[in-house]
Amino acid sequence: MDRLELPESGAWRRVSPKLVVVELVAGGVFLLVITAAGAVTWLLDVWWLAIGLGVIAVIALVNLFLTPRRVRSIGYQLREDDLLFRRGIMWQRFVAVPYGRMQLVDINRGPIARSLGLSELKFVTAAAAAGVTIPGLVEAEADALRDHLVLLAESRRAGL
């Protein structure tokens, strides 16, 4: 089996830097809820639960500090036969999705991302575990990429 040839670093298309704001808001809300729950459990003298929630809060805080770097690690590349997607800092994930295997290309827009003009593009293939989601795309880019991928997928399935 041939090894996956990864492109040069300049060939990757990056997601919008505005995705950092979306991730920070979501992580901040989670941290706030966990901290409030920890304070309530501490006041109710359920110290073992408060300590557990405190540990989760510290992990969430570290995650918030890593968010900008994690967003910069997300990228994709349109190659001749497939779309190559990457993400991750310590645990890197590279997924190649063949155009002919794409069954559904879906766009999602959450409220915070929508207010910043961002979308999330999701590809569904025959293998459910091989689904890929590219967050933080500018709405116009997501729409154009969806239309382009649908055309490529249809032509590849038709054998053209």
N, C-alpha and C. Protein backbone atom coordinates (compact mmCIF):
# COMPACT_ATOMS: atom_id res chain seq x y z
N MET A 1 0.85 -1.18 0.00
CA MET A 1 0.00 0.00 0.00
C MET A 1 0.89 1.24 0.00
N ASP A 2 0.60 2.19 -0.87
CA ASP A 2 1.39 3.41 -0.98
C ASP A 2 1.11 4.33 0.20
N ARG A 3 2.13 5.05 0.57
CA ARG A 3 2.01 6.02 1.66
C ARG A 3 1.31 7.28 1.13
N LEU A 4 0.50 7.89 1.96
CA LEU A 4 -0.20 9.12 1.60
C LEU A 4 0.81 10.24 1.44
N GLU A 5 0.87 10.82 0.27
CA GLU A 5 1.79 11.92 0.00
C GLU A 5 1.14 13.22 0.47
N LEU A 6 1.71 13.84 1.49
CA LEU A 6 1.17 15.07 2.01
C LEU A 6 1.77 16.25 1.25
N PRO A 7 0.95 17.25 0.94
CA PRO A 7 1.43 18.39 0.16
C PRO A 7 2.33 19.31 0.99
N GLU A 8 2.96 20.23 0.29
CA GLU A 8 3.78 21.24 0.95
C GLU A 8 2.88 22.07 1.87
N SER A 9 3.48 22.73 2.84
CA SER A 9 2.68 23.48 3.81
C SER A 9 1.92 24.64 3.17
N GLY A 10 2.42 25.25 2.10
CA GLY A 10 1.75 26.37 1.46
C GLY A 10 0.53 25.98 0.65
N ALA A 11 0.35 24.68 0.37
CA ALA A 11 -0.75 24.24 -0.47
C ALA A 11 -2.07 24.10 0.31
N TRP A 12 -2.00 24.18 1.62
CA TRP A 12 -3.20 24.00 2.44
C TRP A 12 -4.05 25.26 2.44
N ARG A 13 -5.36 25.09 2.37
CA ARG A 13 -6.29 26.20 2.54
C ARG A 13 -6.70 26.21 4.00
N ARG A 14 -6.63 27.35 4.61
CA ARG A 14 -6.91 27.48 6.04
C ARG A 14 -8.35 27.96 6.26
N VAL A 15 -8.86 27.68 7.44
CA VAL A 15 -10.17 28.18 7.82
C VAL A 15 -10.02 29.63 8.30
N SER A 16 -11.13 30.32 8.45
CA SER A 16 -11.11 31.72 8.85
C SER A 16 -10.60 31.87 10.29
N PRO A 17 -9.79 32.89 10.53
CA PRO A 17 -9.34 33.16 11.90
C PRO A 17 -10.49 33.53 12.84
N LYS A 18 -11.64 33.91 12.28
CA LYS A 18 -12.80 34.22 13.11
C LYS A 18 -13.30 33.00 13.87
N LEU A 19 -12.90 31.81 13.43
CA LEU A 19 -13.30 30.59 14.13
C LEU A 19 -12.78 30.59 15.56
N VAL A 20 -11.67 31.27 15.81
CA VAL A 20 -11.13 31.37 17.17
C VAL A 20 -12.17 32.00 18.09
N VAL A 21 -12.84 33.05 17.62
CA VAL A 21 -13.86 33.72 18.43
C VAL A 21 -15.00 32.76 18.76
N VAL A 22 -15.46 32.01 17.76
CA VAL A 22 -16.55 31.06 17.97
C VAL A 22 -16.15 30.02 19.02
N GLU A 23 -14.95 29.48 18.88
CA GLU A 23 -14.48 28.46 19.81
C GLU A 23 -14.28 29.03 21.22
N LEU A 24 -13.75 30.25 21.31
CA LEU A 24 -13.54 30.87 22.62
C LEU A 24 -14.86 31.16 23.33
N VAL A 25 -15.86 31.62 22.59
CA VAL A 25 -17.17 31.88 23.20
C VAL A 25 -17.78 30.58 23.71
N ALA A 26 -17.75 29.53 22.88
CA ALA A 26 -18.32 28.24 23.31
C ALA A 26 -17.55 27.68 24.51
N GLY A 27 -16.23 27.75 24.46
CA GLY A 27 -15.43 27.25 25.59
C GLY A 27 -15.61 28.09 26.84
N GLY A 28 -15.76 29.41 26.66
CA GLY A 28 -15.98 30.29 27.80
C GLY A 28 -17.31 30.03 28.49
N VAL A 29 -18.35 29.80 27.70
CA VAL A 29 -19.66 29.48 28.29
C VAL A 29 -19.58 28.15 29.05
N PHE A 30 -18.91 27.16 28.46
CA PHE A 30 -18.74 25.87 29.15
C PHE A 30 -17.98 26.07 30.47
N LEU A 31 -16.90 26.84 30.43
CA LEU A 31 -16.11 27.10 31.64
C LEU A 31 -16.94 27.81 32.70
N LEU A 32 -17.74 28.77 32.29
CA LEU A 32 -18.60 29.50 33.22
C LEU A 32 -19.60 28.57 33.90
N VAL A 33 -20.24 27.69 33.12
CA VAL A 33 -21.22 26.76 33.68
C VAL A 33 -20.56 25.78 34.65
N ILE A 34 -19.40 25.25 34.27
CA ILE A 34 -18.70 24.30 35.14
C ILE A 34 -18.24 24.98 36.43
N THR A 35 -17.75 26.22 36.31
CA THR A 35 -17.30 26.95 37.50
C THR A 35 -18.47 27.25 38.43
N ALA A 36 -19.61 27.65 37.86
CA ALA A 36 -20.80 27.92 38.69
C ALA A 36 -21.27 26.64 39.37
N ALA A 37 -21.29 25.54 38.64
CA ALA A 37 -21.71 24.26 39.24
C ALA A 37 -20.73 23.84 40.34
N GLY A 38 -19.44 24.07 40.13
CA GLY A 38 -18.45 23.74 41.16
C GLY A 38 -18.64 24.59 42.41
N ALA A 39 -18.94 25.88 42.21
CA ALA A 39 -19.16 26.75 43.37
C ALA A 39 -20.39 26.33 44.16
N VAL A 40 -21.46 25.97 43.46
CA VAL A 40 -22.69 25.53 44.14
C VAL A 40 -22.44 24.23 44.91
N THR A 41 -21.74 23.29 44.29
CA THR A 41 -21.48 22.03 45.00
C THR A 41 -20.55 22.24 46.19
N TRP A 42 -19.63 23.21 46.08
CA TRP A 42 -18.75 23.52 47.21
C TRP A 42 -19.56 24.11 48.37
N LEU A 43 -20.48 25.03 48.04
CA LEU A 43 -21.32 25.64 49.07
C LEU A 43 -22.27 24.63 49.70
N LEU A 44 -22.67 23.62 48.93
CA LEU A 44 -23.53 22.57 49.47
C LEU A 44 -22.73 21.49 50.20
N ASP A 45 -21.44 21.71 50.31
CA ASP A 45 -20.53 20.81 51.02
C ASP A 45 -20.44 19.43 50.39
N VAL A 46 -20.52 19.39 49.06
CA VAL A 46 -20.27 18.16 48.31
C VAL A 46 -18.89 18.35 47.69
N TRP A 47 -17.88 18.31 48.55
CA TRP A 47 -16.52 18.68 48.15
C TRP A 47 -15.93 17.78 47.08
N TRP A 48 -16.26 16.49 47.11
CA TRP A 48 -15.68 15.57 46.12
C TRP A 48 -16.16 15.92 44.71
N LEU A 49 -17.42 16.33 44.58
CA LEU A 49 -17.95 16.73 43.28
C LEU A 49 -17.38 18.09 42.86
N ALA A 50 -17.21 18.99 43.83
CA ALA A 50 -16.63 20.30 43.55
C ALA A 50 -15.19 20.16 43.06
N ILE A 51 -14.43 19.24 43.65
CA ILE A 51 -13.05 19.02 43.22
C ILE A 51 -13.03 18.47 41.78
N GLY A 52 -13.93 17.53 41.50
CA GLY A 52 -14.03 16.97 40.14
C GLY A 52 -14.38 18.05 39.12
N LEU A 53 -15.33 18.91 39.46
CA LEU A 53 -15.70 20.00 38.57
C LEU A 53 -14.56 21.01 38.43
N GLY A 54 -13.78 21.20 39.50
CA GLY A 54 -12.61 22.07 39.44
C GLY A 54 -11.56 21.55 38.46
N VAL A 55 -11.36 20.24 38.47
CA VAL A 55 -10.41 19.62 37.53
C VAL A 55 -10.90 19.82 36.10
N ILE A 56 -12.19 19.62 35.87
CA ILE A 56 -12.76 19.84 34.53
C ILE A 56 -12.60 21.30 34.12
N ALA A 57 -12.78 22.23 35.07
CA ALA A 57 -12.62 23.66 34.77
C ALA A 57 -11.18 23.99 34.37
N VAL A 58 -10.20 23.38 35.04
CA VAL A 58 -8.80 23.61 34.70
C VAL A 58 -8.51 23.08 33.30
N ILE A 59 -9.03 21.91 32.98
CA ILE A 59 -8.84 21.35 31.64
C ILE A 59 -9.49 22.26 30.60
N ALA A 60 -10.68 22.77 30.89
CA ALA A 60 -11.36 23.68 29.96
C ALA A 60 -10.56 24.98 29.78
N LEU A 61 -9.94 25.46 30.84
CA LEU A 61 -9.13 26.67 30.76
C LEU A 61 -7.89 26.46 29.89
N VAL A 62 -7.23 25.33 30.06
CA VAL A 62 -6.08 24.99 29.21
C VAL A 62 -6.53 24.88 27.76
N ASN A 63 -7.69 24.27 27.54
CA ASN A 63 -8.24 24.14 26.19
C ASN A 63 -8.48 25.52 25.57
N LEU A 64 -8.94 26.49 26.35
CA LEU A 64 -9.15 27.84 25.85
C LEU A 64 -7.83 28.47 25.40
N PHE A 65 -6.76 28.24 26.16
CA PHE A 65 -5.45 28.79 25.77
C PHE A 65 -4.91 28.14 24.49
N LEU A 66 -5.26 26.89 24.24
CA LEU A 66 -4.79 26.19 23.05
C LEU A 66 -5.65 26.45 21.82
N THR A 67 -6.80 27.08 22.00
CA THR A 67 -7.75 27.27 20.90
C THR A 67 -7.15 27.97 19.68
N PRO A 68 -6.44 29.09 19.81
CA PRO A 68 -5.90 29.72 18.59
C PRO A 68 -4.97 28.81 17.80
N ARG A 69 -4.12 28.07 18.49
CA ARG A 69 -3.20 27.16 17.80
C ARG A 69 -3.95 26.01 17.16
N ARG A 70 -4.97 25.50 17.85
CA ARG A 70 -5.76 24.39 17.31
C ARG A 70 -6.50 24.81 16.04
N VAL A 71 -7.03 26.04 16.02
CA VAL A 71 -7.73 26.53 14.83
C VAL A 71 -6.75 26.69 13.67
N ARG A 72 -5.53 27.17 13.95
CA ARG A 72 -4.53 27.32 12.88
C ARG A 72 -4.11 25.98 12.29
N SER A 73 -4.32 24.89 13.02
CA SER A 73 -3.91 23.57 12.52
C SER A 73 -4.93 22.98 11.54
N ILE A 74 -6.11 23.58 11.43
CA ILE A 74 -7.16 23.05 10.56
C ILE A 74 -6.93 23.53 9.13
N GLY A 75 -6.96 22.60 8.18
CA GLY A 75 -6.79 22.97 6.79
C GLY A 75 -7.31 21.89 5.86
N TYR A 76 -7.45 22.24 4.60
CA TYR A 76 -7.90 21.26 3.60
C TYR A 76 -7.25 21.58 2.28
N GLN A 77 -7.24 20.58 1.41
CA GLN A 77 -6.70 20.77 0.07
C GLN A 77 -7.54 19.95 -0.90
N LEU A 78 -7.89 20.57 -2.02
CA LEU A 78 -8.58 19.88 -3.09
C LEU A 78 -7.52 19.28 -4.00
N ARG A 79 -7.46 17.95 -4.06
CA ARG A 79 -6.50 17.29 -4.93
C ARG A 79 -7.23 16.73 -6.14
N GLU A 80 -6.52 16.04 -6.99
CA GLU A 80 -7.11 15.55 -8.23
C GLU A 80 -8.26 14.57 -7.99
N ASP A 81 -8.07 13.63 -7.07
CA ASP A 81 -9.07 12.58 -6.86
C ASP A 81 -9.80 12.66 -5.52
N ASP A 82 -9.33 13.52 -4.62
CA ASP A 82 -9.94 13.55 -3.30
C ASP A 82 -9.73 14.90 -2.63
N LEU A 83 -10.42 15.05 -1.51
CA LEU A 83 -10.23 16.20 -0.65
C LEU A 83 -9.44 15.72 0.55
N LEU A 84 -8.35 16.40 0.87
CA LEU A 84 -7.51 16.04 2.00
C LEU A 84 -7.77 17.04 3.11
N PHE A 85 -8.08 16.54 4.31
CA PHE A 85 -8.42 17.37 5.46
C PHE A 85 -7.45 17.05 6.58
N ARG A 86 -7.04 18.09 7.30
CA ARG A 86 -6.17 17.86 8.46
C ARG A 86 -6.62 18.73 9.62
N ARG A 87 -6.31 18.25 10.83
CA ARG A 87 -6.57 19.00 12.06
C ARG A 87 -5.76 18.38 13.18
N GLY A 88 -5.57 19.15 14.23
CA GLY A 88 -4.93 18.63 15.42
C GLY A 88 -3.53 19.15 15.64
N ILE A 89 -3.16 19.26 16.93
CA ILE A 89 -1.83 19.70 17.32
C ILE A 89 -1.02 18.48 17.74
N MET A 90 -1.40 17.89 18.85
CA MET A 90 -0.67 16.71 19.35
C MET A 90 -1.13 15.44 18.64
N TRP A 91 -2.43 15.29 18.52
CA TRP A 91 -3.00 14.14 17.82
C TRP A 91 -3.49 14.64 16.47
N GLN A 92 -2.66 14.52 15.48
CA GLN A 92 -3.00 15.01 14.15
C GLN A 92 -3.85 13.99 13.41
N ARG A 93 -4.81 14.51 12.67
CA ARG A 93 -5.69 13.66 11.88
C ARG A 93 -5.64 14.13 10.43
N PHE A 94 -5.36 13.21 9.53
CA PHE A 94 -5.39 13.47 8.09
C PHE A 94 -6.43 12.53 7.50
N VAL A 95 -7.38 13.08 6.75
CA VAL A 95 -8.42 12.26 6.13
C VAL A 95 -8.48 12.62 4.65
N ALA A 96 -8.42 11.62 3.80
CA ALA A 96 -8.60 11.82 2.37
C ALA A 96 -9.98 11.28 2.01
N VAL A 97 -10.83 12.14 1.48
CA VAL A 97 -12.19 11.76 1.11
C VAL A 97 -12.27 11.76 -0.42
N PRO A 98 -12.37 10.57 -1.05
CA PRO A 98 -12.48 10.51 -2.51
C PRO A 98 -13.78 11.18 -2.97
N TYR A 99 -13.70 11.95 -4.04
CA TYR A 99 -14.88 12.66 -4.54
C TYR A 99 -16.02 11.71 -4.88
N GLY A 100 -15.69 10.56 -5.47
CA GLY A 100 -16.72 9.60 -5.88
C GLY A 100 -17.44 8.95 -4.72
N ARG A 101 -16.88 9.03 -3.51
CA ARG A 101 -17.50 8.41 -2.33
C ARG A 101 -18.41 9.36 -1.56
N MET A 102 -18.38 10.65 -1.91
CA MET A 102 -19.21 11.62 -1.20
C MET A 102 -20.67 11.40 -1.55
N GLN A 103 -21.49 11.24 -0.52
CA GLN A 103 -22.91 11.05 -0.73
C GLN A 103 -23.72 12.29 -0.37
N LEU A 104 -23.18 13.08 0.55
CA LEU A 104 -23.90 14.27 1.00
C LEU A 104 -22.87 15.33 1.38
N VAL A 105 -23.10 16.55 0.93
CA VAL A 105 -22.28 17.69 1.34
C VAL A 105 -23.24 18.69 1.97
N ASP A 106 -23.07 18.92 3.26
CA ASP A 106 -24.03 19.68 4.05
C ASP A 106 -23.37 20.92 4.65
N ILE A 107 -24.11 22.02 4.74
CA ILE A 107 -23.61 23.24 5.37
C ILE A 107 -24.43 23.50 6.63
N ASN A 108 -23.73 23.74 7.74
CA ASN A 108 -24.37 24.11 9.00
C ASN A 108 -23.87 25.48 9.42
N ARG A 109 -24.78 26.26 10.01
CA ARG A 109 -24.42 27.60 10.51
C ARG A 109 -25.04 27.79 11.87
N GLY A 110 -24.21 27.74 12.91
CA GLY A 110 -24.69 28.00 14.27
C GLY A 110 -24.87 29.50 14.48
N PRO A 111 -25.52 29.88 15.58
CA PRO A 111 -25.82 31.31 15.79
C PRO A 111 -24.58 32.19 15.92
N ILE A 112 -23.56 31.75 16.64
CA ILE A 112 -22.37 32.58 16.81
C ILE A 112 -21.59 32.64 15.50
N ALA A 113 -21.41 31.49 14.86
CA ALA A 113 -20.70 31.44 13.59
C ALA A 113 -21.45 32.25 12.53
N ARG A 114 -22.76 32.14 12.51
CA ARG A 114 -23.56 32.88 11.52
C ARG A 114 -23.40 34.39 11.72
N SER A 115 -23.33 34.84 12.97
CA SER A 115 -23.15 36.27 13.22
C SER A 115 -21.79 36.77 12.74
N LEU A 116 -20.81 35.87 12.62
CA LEU A 116 -19.48 36.23 12.13
C LEU A 116 -19.31 35.89 10.65
N GLY A 117 -20.38 35.38 10.00
CA GLY A 117 -20.32 35.05 8.58
C GLY A 117 -19.60 33.74 8.29
N LEU A 118 -19.64 32.80 9.24
CA LEU A 118 -18.94 31.53 9.07
C LEU A 118 -19.92 30.38 8.91
N SER A 119 -19.43 29.31 8.29
CA SER A 119 -20.20 28.09 8.08
C SER A 119 -19.34 26.88 8.38
N GLU A 120 -20.00 25.75 8.49
CA GLU A 120 -19.33 24.46 8.69
C GLU A 120 -19.77 23.54 7.56
N LEU A 121 -18.81 22.95 6.87
CA LEU A 121 -19.11 22.07 5.74
C LEU A 121 -18.88 20.64 6.18
N LYS A 122 -19.89 19.79 5.96
CA LYS A 122 -19.80 18.40 6.39
C LYS A 122 -19.97 17.49 5.19
N PHE A 123 -19.09 16.49 5.09
CA PHE A 123 -19.15 15.49 4.02
C PHE A 123 -19.55 14.18 4.63
N VAL A 124 -20.51 13.52 4.03
CA VAL A 124 -20.93 12.19 4.49
C VAL A 124 -20.61 11.20 3.37
N THR A 125 -19.96 10.11 3.74
CA THR A 125 -19.60 9.06 2.79
C THR A 125 -20.35 7.79 3.16
N ALA A 126 -20.13 6.74 2.38
CA ALA A 126 -20.77 5.46 2.66
C ALA A 126 -20.31 4.92 4.00
N ALA A 127 -19.06 5.16 4.36
CA ALA A 127 -18.55 4.74 5.67
C ALA A 127 -18.81 5.87 6.66
N ALA A 128 -19.66 5.61 7.64
CA ALA A 128 -20.06 6.66 8.58
C ALA A 128 -18.87 7.21 9.35
N ALA A 129 -17.86 6.41 9.63
CA ALA A 129 -16.70 6.86 10.40
C ALA A 129 -15.81 7.79 9.59
N ALA A 130 -15.97 7.82 8.29
CA ALA A 130 -15.11 8.64 7.43
C ALA A 130 -15.68 10.02 7.19
N GLY A 131 -16.73 10.41 7.89
CA GLY A 131 -17.31 11.73 7.71
C GLY A 131 -16.33 12.80 8.15
N VAL A 132 -16.30 13.90 7.43
CA VAL A 132 -15.38 15.00 7.71
C VAL A 132 -16.19 16.28 7.85
N THR A 133 -15.82 17.10 8.83
CA THR A 133 -16.44 18.41 9.01
C THR A 133 -15.34 19.46 8.99
N ILE A 134 -15.50 20.45 8.11
CA ILE A 134 -14.56 21.56 8.05
C ILE A 134 -15.26 22.77 8.65
N PRO A 135 -14.85 23.18 9.87
CA PRO A 135 -15.48 24.34 10.49
C PRO A 135 -14.82 25.63 10.04
N GLY A 136 -15.49 26.75 10.27
CA GLY A 136 -14.87 28.06 10.10
C GLY A 136 -14.65 28.53 8.68
N LEU A 137 -15.47 28.07 7.75
CA LEU A 137 -15.36 28.57 6.38
C LEU A 137 -16.23 29.81 6.23
N VAL A 138 -15.75 30.78 5.48
CA VAL A 138 -16.56 31.96 5.15
C VAL A 138 -17.76 31.46 4.35
N GLU A 139 -18.93 32.04 4.58
CA GLU A 139 -20.17 31.55 3.97
C GLU A 139 -20.07 31.40 2.45
N ALA A 140 -19.53 32.40 1.77
CA ALA A 140 -19.42 32.33 0.31
C ALA A 140 -18.48 31.19 -0.11
N GLU A 141 -17.40 31.01 0.61
CA GLU A 141 -16.46 29.93 0.31
C GLU A 141 -17.11 28.56 0.54
N ALA A 142 -17.88 28.45 1.62
CA ALA A 142 -18.56 27.19 1.92
C ALA A 142 -19.58 26.85 0.84
N ASP A 143 -20.35 27.85 0.40
CA ASP A 143 -21.34 27.61 -0.66
C ASP A 143 -20.67 27.20 -1.97
N ALA A 144 -19.60 27.91 -2.34
CA ALA A 144 -18.89 27.58 -3.58
C ALA A 144 -18.23 26.21 -3.50
N LEU A 145 -17.64 25.89 -2.36
CA LEU A 145 -16.99 24.59 -2.18
C LEU A 145 -18.01 23.47 -2.21
N ARG A 146 -19.17 23.68 -1.59
CA ARG A 146 -20.24 22.67 -1.63
C ARG A 146 -20.67 22.39 -3.06
N ASP A 147 -20.93 23.45 -3.83
CA ASP A 147 -21.37 23.28 -5.21
C ASP A 147 -20.29 22.58 -6.05
N HIS A 148 -19.04 22.96 -5.86
CA HIS A 148 -17.93 22.35 -6.59
C HIS A 148 -17.80 20.86 -6.24
N LEU A 149 -17.91 20.53 -4.96
CA LEU A 149 -17.77 19.13 -4.53
C LEU A 149 -18.94 18.28 -5.00
N VAL A 150 -20.13 18.85 -5.03
CA VAL A 150 -21.29 18.09 -5.53
C VAL A 150 -21.09 17.76 -7.00
N LEU A 151 -20.63 18.73 -7.79
CA LEU A 151 -20.37 18.47 -9.21
C LEU A 151 -19.28 17.40 -9.39
N LEU A 152 -18.21 17.51 -8.63
CA LEU A 152 -17.14 16.51 -8.72
C LEU A 152 -17.63 15.13 -8.31
N ALA A 153 -18.40 15.07 -7.24
CA ALA A 153 -18.91 13.78 -6.76
C ALA A 153 -19.83 13.13 -7.79
N GLU A 154 -20.72 13.93 -8.40
CA GLU A 154 -21.64 13.39 -9.40
C GLU A 154 -20.88 12.87 -10.62
N SER A 155 -19.88 13.63 -11.08
CA SER A 155 -19.13 13.19 -12.26
C SER A 155 -18.29 11.96 -11.95
N ARG A 156 -17.74 11.85 -10.76
CA ARG A 156 -16.94 10.67 -10.41
C ARG A 156 -17.80 9.42 -10.26
N ARG A 157 -18.98 9.59 -9.69
CA ARG A 157 -19.87 8.43 -9.54
C ARG A 157 -20.40 7.97 -10.90
N ALA A 158 -20.55 8.92 -11.82
CA ALA A 158 -21.03 8.58 -13.15
C ALA A 158 -19.91 7.97 -14.00
N GLY A 159 -18.68 8.03 -13.50
CA GLY A 159 -17.56 7.42 -14.22
C GLY A 159 -17.00 8.32 -15.30
N LEU A 160 -17.24 9.61 -15.25
CA LEU A 160 -16.74 10.54 -16.26
C LEU A 160 -15.31 10.93 -15.98
